[in-house]
Structures are given as C-alpha cells and as structure tokens.
Amino acid sequence: MKILLYILAALVVLTLAAAAYVRLSPVDAADWHVDPEEVTPPASPNNALLAGSNAATVQASALVVAGRLQAIAEAEGAQVVAGALGEGFVTYMVRSRVMGFPDFITIRLVPEDDTTRVHVFSRARDGYSDLGVNTARVQRWLTAARDEAGDA
C-alpha cells in the first residue's frame, strides 16, 4: 500500500512538472514566425495550413480584414509573438484552457484589388495530434472574418 502511495505521489509530481514545462518554457519568435507560403508542414496531424493556391479569400481590404482577425484573435485570448497584423504578417500564440499547451498561428495578408488573400499556418508546439483543434481554429477565424465582411 505504501508503494502505491509513492507511485501515485510520483505521478502527481511528474504531471505538475510537465504542466510547468508547458507553461513556462520560453518561446523563440524566430522558430514560429514563418511565412505560411514558404513553410513545409510537419508530417504530424497537429497543424492546419492554408497557403498559396489554398489560401482563403475575403472580400475586403487588407486593413479591414486585419482589424476583423485581430478582434477574433483577442476574443480567443491570442497573444502576439511577432509581427503585426496591421503590417500584414503576424504570429499569435493561443494556449489550451486546461493544460496551457501553446499553439502558434501565423497569418500573412496579401491584398488583391478589392479582396484579401489570407495565408494561415496554425500548429501545435507539443504532441503529435491536436485532435483537429488547429483546423477548427483556422476555419472559425476565417468564417468569422468572412461573415463580418459579408462573404458568408
């Protein structure tokens, strides 16, 4: 019985240590602030990439799209890691609610006449699978931006 308590205590300590690592490990902006058009996505299914010919299109100016995406990012608790959306290139970090796992979302806006192409790369830092979290986030942000722009 005593050994079982020691094992349980060790598991609790390991869980707390892992949570502390996830929350407190430093973020190097140079590792995450990459152009979605130039990235090779990882083989793991913990990312979502819409770039190049797969980039989304929003019927609004880049400045308007930037404002809408910034509002969506702020509403979801995203923090800017590098760049600025108003300049057309930004990387955000969003943490999961329970364990605080960081995901990084890089957005490049490319104006085209009266529309804006939105290149997005969203990926998890840790783990192999994100259970579709990044894909859902990208779709949610783009859908909200399109709805606000009248593109439904």
N, C-alpha and C. Protein backbone atom coordinates (compact mmCIF):
# COMPACT_ATOMS: atom_id res chain seq x y z
N MET A 1 0.82 -1.19 0.00
CA MET A 1 0.00 0.00 0.00
C MET A 1 0.87 1.26 0.00
N LYS A 2 1.95 1.22 0.77
CA LYS A 2 2.84 2.36 0.85
C LYS A 2 3.51 2.62 -0.50
N ILE A 3 3.88 1.56 -1.20
CA ILE A 3 4.50 1.70 -2.51
C ILE A 3 3.52 2.34 -3.50
N LEU A 4 2.26 1.96 -3.41
CA LEU A 4 1.24 2.53 -4.29
C LEU A 4 1.11 4.04 -4.06
N LEU A 5 1.17 4.46 -2.80
CA LEU A 5 1.11 5.89 -2.49
C LEU A 5 2.34 6.62 -3.06
N TYR A 6 3.52 6.01 -2.97
CA TYR A 6 4.73 6.61 -3.54
C TYR A 6 4.61 6.75 -5.06
N ILE A 7 4.07 5.73 -5.69
CA ILE A 7 3.89 5.78 -7.14
C ILE A 7 2.90 6.87 -7.51
N LEU A 8 1.81 6.95 -6.76
CA LEU A 8 0.81 7.98 -7.01
C LEU A 8 1.40 9.37 -6.81
N ALA A 9 2.17 9.56 -5.76
CA ALA A 9 2.81 10.84 -5.50
C ALA A 9 3.79 11.19 -6.62
N ALA A 10 4.53 10.20 -7.10
CA ALA A 10 5.47 10.44 -8.20
C ALA A 10 4.73 10.85 -9.46
N LEU A 11 3.61 10.22 -9.73
CA LEU A 11 2.81 10.59 -10.90
C LEU A 11 2.28 12.01 -10.80
N VAL A 12 1.85 12.39 -9.62
CA VAL A 12 1.37 13.76 -9.41
C VAL A 12 2.50 14.76 -9.64
N VAL A 13 3.68 14.47 -9.09
CA VAL A 13 4.83 15.36 -9.26
C VAL A 13 5.22 15.45 -10.74
N LEU A 14 5.23 14.33 -11.44
CA LEU A 14 5.57 14.34 -12.87
C LEU A 14 4.54 15.13 -13.68
N THR A 15 3.28 15.00 -13.34
CA THR A 15 2.23 15.75 -14.03
C THR A 15 2.40 17.24 -13.81
N LEU A 16 2.68 17.62 -12.56
CA LEU A 16 2.89 19.04 -12.27
C LEU A 16 4.14 19.58 -12.96
N ALA A 17 5.19 18.78 -13.01
CA ALA A 17 6.41 19.19 -13.70
C ALA A 17 6.16 19.37 -15.20
N ALA A 18 5.40 18.45 -15.79
CA ALA A 18 5.08 18.57 -17.22
C ALA A 18 4.23 19.81 -17.48
N ALA A 19 3.27 20.08 -16.60
CA ALA A 19 2.44 21.28 -16.75
C ALA A 19 3.27 22.54 -16.62
N ALA A 20 4.21 22.55 -15.69
CA ALA A 20 5.10 23.70 -15.52
C ALA A 20 5.97 23.91 -16.75
N TYR A 21 6.47 22.82 -17.32
CA TYR A 21 7.29 22.93 -18.53
C TYR A 21 6.48 23.53 -19.67
N VAL A 22 5.27 23.03 -19.87
CA VAL A 22 4.42 23.52 -20.95
C VAL A 22 4.14 25.01 -20.77
N ARG A 23 3.85 25.41 -19.54
CA ARG A 23 3.50 26.81 -19.26
C ARG A 23 4.69 27.75 -19.26
N LEU A 24 5.85 27.29 -18.78
CA LEU A 24 6.96 28.20 -18.53
C LEU A 24 8.10 28.13 -19.54
N SER A 25 8.10 27.14 -20.42
CA SER A 25 9.21 27.05 -21.38
C SER A 25 9.18 28.25 -22.32
N PRO A 26 10.34 28.79 -22.64
CA PRO A 26 10.39 30.01 -23.45
C PRO A 26 9.94 29.77 -24.89
N VAL A 27 9.49 30.84 -25.51
CA VAL A 27 9.05 30.82 -26.90
C VAL A 27 10.03 31.68 -27.69
N ASP A 28 10.68 31.08 -28.67
CA ASP A 28 11.59 31.81 -29.55
C ASP A 28 10.81 32.22 -30.80
N ALA A 29 10.56 33.51 -30.94
CA ALA A 29 9.76 34.00 -32.05
C ALA A 29 10.33 33.57 -33.40
N ALA A 30 11.64 33.48 -33.51
CA ALA A 30 12.26 33.10 -34.78
C ALA A 30 11.86 31.69 -35.21
N ASP A 31 11.56 30.83 -34.26
CA ASP A 31 11.14 29.46 -34.59
C ASP A 31 9.71 29.40 -35.13
N TRP A 32 8.88 30.35 -34.77
CA TRP A 32 7.45 30.27 -35.07
C TRP A 32 6.96 31.30 -36.06
N HIS A 33 7.65 32.41 -36.22
CA HIS A 33 7.22 33.49 -37.12
C HIS A 33 7.76 33.20 -38.52
N VAL A 34 7.07 32.31 -39.22
CA VAL A 34 7.49 31.86 -40.56
C VAL A 34 6.37 32.14 -41.56
N ASP A 35 6.75 32.49 -42.76
CA ASP A 35 5.79 32.80 -43.81
C ASP A 35 5.02 31.53 -44.20
N PRO A 36 3.69 31.54 -44.09
CA PRO A 36 2.91 30.35 -44.44
C PRO A 36 3.14 29.88 -45.88
N GLU A 37 3.50 30.80 -46.77
CA GLU A 37 3.72 30.43 -48.16
C GLU A 37 5.04 29.69 -48.36
N GLU A 38 5.94 29.78 -47.41
CA GLU A 38 7.26 29.18 -47.57
C GLU A 38 7.50 27.98 -46.66
N VAL A 39 6.51 27.59 -45.90
CA VAL A 39 6.70 26.53 -44.91
C VAL A 39 6.40 25.15 -45.51
N THR A 40 7.11 24.18 -45.00
CA THR A 40 6.79 22.78 -45.28
C THR A 40 6.10 22.26 -44.04
N PRO A 41 4.83 21.86 -44.16
CA PRO A 41 4.12 21.43 -42.96
C PRO A 41 4.72 20.15 -42.39
N PRO A 42 4.67 20.01 -41.06
CA PRO A 42 5.17 18.79 -40.45
C PRO A 42 4.32 17.59 -40.85
N ALA A 43 4.90 16.40 -40.72
CA ALA A 43 4.18 15.17 -41.06
C ALA A 43 3.09 14.86 -40.05
N SER A 44 3.20 15.38 -38.84
CA SER A 44 2.19 15.10 -37.81
C SER A 44 0.89 15.84 -38.13
N PRO A 45 -0.23 15.32 -37.65
CA PRO A 45 -1.53 15.93 -37.96
C PRO A 45 -1.92 17.05 -36.99
N ASN A 46 -0.93 17.72 -36.39
CA ASN A 46 -1.25 18.76 -35.41
C ASN A 46 -1.10 20.16 -35.99
N ASN A 47 -1.48 20.32 -37.26
CA ASN A 47 -1.36 21.63 -37.89
C ASN A 47 -2.43 21.81 -38.95
N ALA A 48 -2.62 23.07 -39.36
CA ALA A 48 -3.52 23.41 -40.45
C ALA A 48 -2.82 24.47 -41.29
N LEU A 49 -2.74 24.25 -42.58
CA LEU A 49 -2.04 25.17 -43.48
C LEU A 49 -2.94 25.50 -44.66
N LEU A 50 -3.23 26.78 -44.81
CA LEU A 50 -3.95 27.30 -45.98
C LEU A 50 -3.06 28.39 -46.57
N ALA A 51 -2.33 28.05 -47.61
CA ALA A 51 -1.40 29.00 -48.22
C ALA A 51 -1.30 28.74 -49.71
N GLY A 52 -0.68 29.69 -50.40
CA GLY A 52 -0.55 29.56 -51.84
C GLY A 52 -1.92 29.53 -52.49
N SER A 53 -2.13 28.57 -53.38
CA SER A 53 -3.42 28.48 -54.08
C SER A 53 -4.55 28.04 -53.14
N ASN A 54 -4.22 27.52 -51.96
CA ASN A 54 -5.24 27.12 -50.97
C ASN A 54 -5.59 28.22 -49.99
N ALA A 55 -4.97 29.39 -50.11
CA ALA A 55 -5.25 30.49 -49.19
C ALA A 55 -6.70 30.92 -49.32
N ALA A 56 -7.24 31.42 -48.23
CA ALA A 56 -8.62 31.90 -48.21
C ALA A 56 -8.69 33.29 -48.81
N THR A 57 -9.85 33.64 -49.32
CA THR A 57 -10.08 34.97 -49.88
C THR A 57 -11.23 35.63 -49.13
N VAL A 58 -11.03 36.90 -48.75
CA VAL A 58 -12.06 37.67 -48.07
C VAL A 58 -12.32 38.92 -48.89
N GLN A 59 -13.59 39.23 -49.12
CA GLN A 59 -13.98 40.39 -49.92
C GLN A 59 -13.91 41.66 -49.08
N ALA A 60 -12.70 42.11 -48.82
CA ALA A 60 -12.48 43.35 -48.08
C ALA A 60 -11.01 43.72 -48.20
N SER A 61 -10.70 44.95 -47.87
CA SER A 61 -9.30 45.39 -47.93
C SER A 61 -8.49 44.70 -46.84
N ALA A 62 -7.18 44.66 -47.02
CA ALA A 62 -6.31 44.02 -46.04
C ALA A 62 -6.42 44.70 -44.68
N LEU A 63 -6.58 46.01 -44.67
CA LEU A 63 -6.71 46.73 -43.40
C LEU A 63 -7.98 46.33 -42.66
N VAL A 64 -9.08 46.19 -43.39
CA VAL A 64 -10.35 45.77 -42.78
C VAL A 64 -10.23 44.33 -42.28
N VAL A 65 -9.68 43.45 -43.11
CA VAL A 65 -9.50 42.05 -42.71
C VAL A 65 -8.61 41.96 -41.48
N ALA A 66 -7.54 42.75 -41.45
CA ALA A 66 -6.63 42.76 -40.30
C ALA A 66 -7.37 43.13 -39.03
N GLY A 67 -8.20 44.13 -39.09
CA GLY A 67 -8.98 44.54 -37.92
C GLY A 67 -9.92 43.45 -37.44
N ARG A 68 -10.57 42.79 -38.36
CA ARG A 68 -11.51 41.73 -38.00
C ARG A 68 -10.79 40.52 -37.41
N LEU A 69 -9.68 40.14 -38.02
CA LEU A 69 -8.93 39.00 -37.49
C LEU A 69 -8.31 39.33 -36.13
N GLN A 70 -7.88 40.57 -35.95
CA GLN A 70 -7.33 40.97 -34.66
C GLN A 70 -8.40 40.86 -33.58
N ALA A 71 -9.61 41.26 -33.89
CA ALA A 71 -10.70 41.16 -32.90
C ALA A 71 -10.99 39.70 -32.55
N ILE A 72 -10.98 38.83 -33.55
CA ILE A 72 -11.22 37.41 -33.32
C ILE A 72 -10.10 36.82 -32.46
N ALA A 73 -8.86 37.17 -32.80
CA ALA A 73 -7.71 36.67 -32.05
C ALA A 73 -7.78 37.10 -30.58
N GLU A 74 -8.08 38.37 -30.37
CA GLU A 74 -8.18 38.87 -29.00
C GLU A 74 -9.31 38.19 -28.23
N ALA A 75 -10.42 37.95 -28.90
CA ALA A 75 -11.56 37.29 -28.24
C ALA A 75 -11.20 35.88 -27.79
N GLU A 76 -10.26 35.23 -28.49
CA GLU A 76 -9.85 33.88 -28.13
C GLU A 76 -8.59 33.87 -27.26
N GLY A 77 -8.15 35.03 -26.81
CA GLY A 77 -7.02 35.11 -25.90
C GLY A 77 -5.66 34.95 -26.55
N ALA A 78 -5.57 35.22 -27.85
CA ALA A 78 -4.29 35.10 -28.55
C ALA A 78 -3.35 36.23 -28.14
N GLN A 79 -2.07 35.89 -28.08
CA GLN A 79 -1.03 36.88 -27.77
C GLN A 79 -0.10 36.98 -28.96
N VAL A 80 0.29 38.20 -29.33
CA VAL A 80 1.21 38.38 -30.45
C VAL A 80 2.60 37.93 -30.03
N VAL A 81 3.20 37.05 -30.84
CA VAL A 81 4.56 36.57 -30.62
C VAL A 81 5.54 37.41 -31.43
N ALA A 82 5.15 37.73 -32.67
CA ALA A 82 6.00 38.54 -33.56
C ALA A 82 5.14 39.15 -34.65
N GLY A 83 5.61 40.26 -35.19
CA GLY A 83 4.92 40.91 -36.30
C GLY A 83 3.72 41.71 -35.84
N ALA A 84 2.96 42.17 -36.81
CA ALA A 84 1.74 42.93 -36.55
C ALA A 84 0.76 42.69 -37.69
N LEU A 85 -0.46 42.39 -37.37
CA LEU A 85 -1.44 42.10 -38.40
C LEU A 85 -1.71 43.32 -39.27
N GLY A 86 -1.61 44.51 -38.70
CA GLY A 86 -1.77 45.74 -39.47
C GLY A 86 -0.70 45.89 -40.54
N GLU A 87 0.44 45.23 -40.35
CA GLU A 87 1.51 45.24 -41.35
C GLU A 87 1.38 44.06 -42.31
N GLY A 88 0.40 43.18 -42.06
CA GLY A 88 0.13 42.08 -42.96
C GLY A 88 0.82 40.77 -42.64
N PHE A 89 1.54 40.69 -41.52
CA PHE A 89 2.26 39.45 -41.18
C PHE A 89 2.42 39.38 -39.67
N VAL A 90 1.79 38.37 -39.04
CA VAL A 90 1.81 38.27 -37.58
C VAL A 90 1.79 36.80 -37.17
N THR A 91 2.35 36.53 -36.00
CA THR A 91 2.25 35.21 -35.38
C THR A 91 1.69 35.38 -33.99
N TYR A 92 0.63 34.60 -33.71
CA TYR A 92 -0.01 34.59 -32.40
C TYR A 92 0.29 33.29 -31.68
N MET A 93 0.16 33.33 -30.35
CA MET A 93 0.18 32.12 -29.54
C MET A 93 -1.14 32.05 -28.79
N VAL A 94 -1.78 30.89 -28.85
CA VAL A 94 -3.02 30.62 -28.11
C VAL A 94 -2.77 29.39 -27.27
N ARG A 95 -3.15 29.45 -26.00
CA ARG A 95 -2.95 28.30 -25.10
C ARG A 95 -4.27 27.56 -24.87
N SER A 96 -4.16 26.23 -24.75
CA SER A 96 -5.36 25.44 -24.44
C SER A 96 -5.82 25.77 -23.03
N ARG A 97 -7.09 25.60 -22.78
CA ARG A 97 -7.66 26.03 -21.49
C ARG A 97 -7.18 25.20 -20.30
N VAL A 98 -7.10 23.91 -20.44
CA VAL A 98 -6.82 23.07 -19.29
C VAL A 98 -5.32 23.00 -18.98
N MET A 99 -4.54 22.52 -19.92
CA MET A 99 -3.11 22.31 -19.68
C MET A 99 -2.24 23.48 -20.15
N GLY A 100 -2.77 24.37 -20.93
CA GLY A 100 -1.99 25.51 -21.40
C GLY A 100 -1.04 25.18 -22.54
N PHE A 101 -1.33 24.14 -23.31
CA PHE A 101 -0.48 23.80 -24.45
C PHE A 101 -0.51 24.95 -25.45
N PRO A 102 0.65 25.41 -25.92
CA PRO A 102 0.67 26.52 -26.87
C PRO A 102 0.50 26.06 -28.32
N ASP A 103 -0.33 26.79 -29.03
CA ASP A 103 -0.47 26.66 -30.47
C ASP A 103 -0.04 27.99 -31.07
N PHE A 104 0.56 27.93 -32.26
CA PHE A 104 1.03 29.14 -32.93
C PHE A 104 0.29 29.30 -34.25
N ILE A 105 -0.21 30.51 -34.47
CA ILE A 105 -0.97 30.82 -35.66
C ILE A 105 -0.29 31.98 -36.38
N THR A 106 0.19 31.71 -37.59
CA THR A 106 0.84 32.74 -38.39
C THR A 106 -0.09 33.11 -39.53
N ILE A 107 -0.27 34.41 -39.73
CA ILE A 107 -1.16 34.92 -40.77
C ILE A 107 -0.40 35.92 -41.63
N ARG A 108 -0.51 35.75 -42.95
CA ARG A 108 0.00 36.74 -43.89
C ARG A 108 -1.17 37.18 -44.76
N LEU A 109 -1.37 38.51 -44.81
CA LEU A 109 -2.43 39.09 -45.63
C LEU A 109 -1.82 39.64 -46.92
N VAL A 110 -2.43 39.28 -48.04
CA VAL A 110 -1.94 39.74 -49.35
C VAL A 110 -3.11 40.43 -50.06
N PRO A 111 -3.04 41.77 -50.19
CA PRO A 111 -4.11 42.49 -50.87
C PRO A 111 -4.13 42.16 -52.37
N GLU A 112 -5.34 41.99 -52.91
CA GLU A 112 -5.55 41.74 -54.34
C GLU A 112 -6.79 42.50 -54.78
N ASP A 113 -6.60 43.65 -55.38
CA ASP A 113 -7.70 44.51 -55.82
C ASP A 113 -8.62 44.79 -54.63
N ASP A 114 -9.89 44.35 -54.70
CA ASP A 114 -10.84 44.62 -53.62
C ASP A 114 -10.99 43.43 -52.68
N THR A 115 -10.09 42.45 -52.78
CA THR A 115 -10.11 41.30 -51.88
C THR A 115 -8.77 41.16 -51.18
N THR A 116 -8.74 40.27 -50.21
CA THR A 116 -7.50 39.98 -49.49
C THR A 116 -7.34 38.47 -49.41
N ARG A 117 -6.17 38.00 -49.80
CA ARG A 117 -5.84 36.57 -49.64
C ARG A 117 -5.25 36.41 -48.25
N VAL A 118 -5.77 35.44 -47.51
CA VAL A 118 -5.34 35.19 -46.14
C VAL A 118 -4.61 33.85 -46.11
N HIS A 119 -3.30 33.90 -45.92
CA HIS A 119 -2.47 32.71 -45.80
C HIS A 119 -2.30 32.42 -44.31
N VAL A 120 -2.62 31.20 -43.88
CA VAL A 120 -2.63 30.86 -42.45
C VAL A 120 -1.89 29.55 -42.22
N PHE A 121 -1.07 29.55 -41.17
CA PHE A 121 -0.41 28.31 -40.72
C PHE A 121 -0.60 28.23 -39.22
N SER A 122 -1.39 27.27 -38.76
CA SER A 122 -1.67 27.09 -37.34
C SER A 122 -1.15 25.72 -36.93
N ARG A 123 -0.36 25.68 -35.84
CA ARG A 123 0.25 24.41 -35.44
C ARG A 123 0.49 24.37 -33.94
N ALA A 124 0.53 23.13 -33.45
CA ALA A 124 0.80 22.88 -32.04
C ALA A 124 2.30 22.76 -31.83
N ARG A 125 2.77 23.24 -30.69
CA ARG A 125 4.19 23.08 -30.37
C ARG A 125 4.47 21.68 -29.86
N ASP A 126 3.58 21.16 -29.05
CA ASP A 126 3.81 19.88 -28.39
C ASP A 126 2.85 18.82 -28.90
N GLY A 127 3.31 17.59 -28.87
CA GLY A 127 2.44 16.46 -29.19
C GLY A 127 2.41 16.11 -30.66
N TYR A 128 1.77 15.00 -30.95
CA TYR A 128 1.66 14.51 -32.31
C TYR A 128 0.32 14.92 -32.94
N SER A 129 -0.76 14.74 -32.20
CA SER A 129 -2.08 15.09 -32.71
C SER A 129 -2.71 16.15 -31.83
N ASP A 130 -3.43 17.05 -32.46
CA ASP A 130 -4.14 18.08 -31.70
C ASP A 130 -5.64 17.85 -31.73
N LEU A 131 -6.05 16.68 -32.22
CA LEU A 131 -7.47 16.31 -32.31
C LEU A 131 -8.28 17.30 -33.13
N GLY A 132 -7.63 17.93 -34.11
CA GLY A 132 -8.32 18.85 -35.02
C GLY A 132 -8.49 20.26 -34.50
N VAL A 133 -7.85 20.60 -33.40
CA VAL A 133 -8.01 21.92 -32.79
C VAL A 133 -7.53 23.03 -33.73
N ASN A 134 -6.38 22.88 -34.35
CA ASN A 134 -5.85 23.93 -35.22
C ASN A 134 -6.70 24.12 -36.47
N THR A 135 -7.15 23.03 -37.07
CA THR A 135 -8.02 23.14 -38.24
C THR A 135 -9.32 23.85 -37.88
N ALA A 136 -9.89 23.49 -36.75
CA ALA A 136 -11.14 24.13 -36.30
C ALA A 136 -10.92 25.61 -36.03
N ARG A 137 -9.79 25.97 -35.42
CA ARG A 137 -9.50 27.38 -35.14
C ARG A 137 -9.39 28.18 -36.43
N VAL A 138 -8.63 27.66 -37.40
CA VAL A 138 -8.46 28.37 -38.67
C VAL A 138 -9.82 28.57 -39.33
N GLN A 139 -10.62 27.54 -39.39
CA GLN A 139 -11.95 27.66 -40.00
C GLN A 139 -12.83 28.66 -39.25
N ARG A 140 -12.76 28.63 -37.92
CA ARG A 140 -13.57 29.54 -37.11
C ARG A 140 -13.15 30.99 -37.37
N TRP A 141 -11.85 31.26 -37.39
CA TRP A 141 -11.37 32.62 -37.62
C TRP A 141 -11.73 33.10 -39.02
N LEU A 142 -11.54 32.25 -40.02
CA LEU A 142 -11.85 32.65 -41.40
C LEU A 142 -13.35 32.82 -41.60
N THR A 143 -14.14 31.95 -41.01
CA THR A 143 -15.59 32.06 -41.14
C THR A 143 -16.07 33.36 -40.50
N ALA A 144 -15.56 33.67 -39.33
CA ALA A 144 -15.94 34.91 -38.66
C ALA A 144 -15.53 36.13 -39.49
N ALA A 145 -14.33 36.09 -40.05
CA ALA A 145 -13.87 37.22 -40.88
C ALA A 145 -14.74 37.35 -42.13
N ARG A 146 -15.09 36.24 -42.74
CA ARG A 146 -15.94 36.29 -43.94
C ARG A 146 -17.36 36.75 -43.59
N ASP A 147 -17.91 36.27 -42.51
CA ASP A 147 -19.26 36.68 -42.13
C ASP A 147 -19.30 38.18 -41.89
N GLU A 148 -18.30 38.70 -41.20
CA GLU A 148 -18.25 40.13 -40.92
C GLU A 148 -18.04 40.93 -42.20
N ALA A 149 -17.35 40.33 -43.17
CA ALA A 149 -17.07 41.02 -44.41
C ALA A 149 -18.24 40.89 -45.38
N GLY A 150 -19.24 40.08 -45.03
CA GLY A 150 -20.39 39.91 -45.90
C GLY A 150 -20.18 38.85 -46.95
N ASP A 151 -19.20 37.96 -46.76
CA ASP A 151 -18.89 36.92 -47.74
C ASP A 151 -19.64 35.62 -47.49
N ALA A 152 -20.29 35.50 -46.37
CA ALA A 152 -20.91 34.26 -45.94
C ALA A 152 -20.71 33.19 -46.88
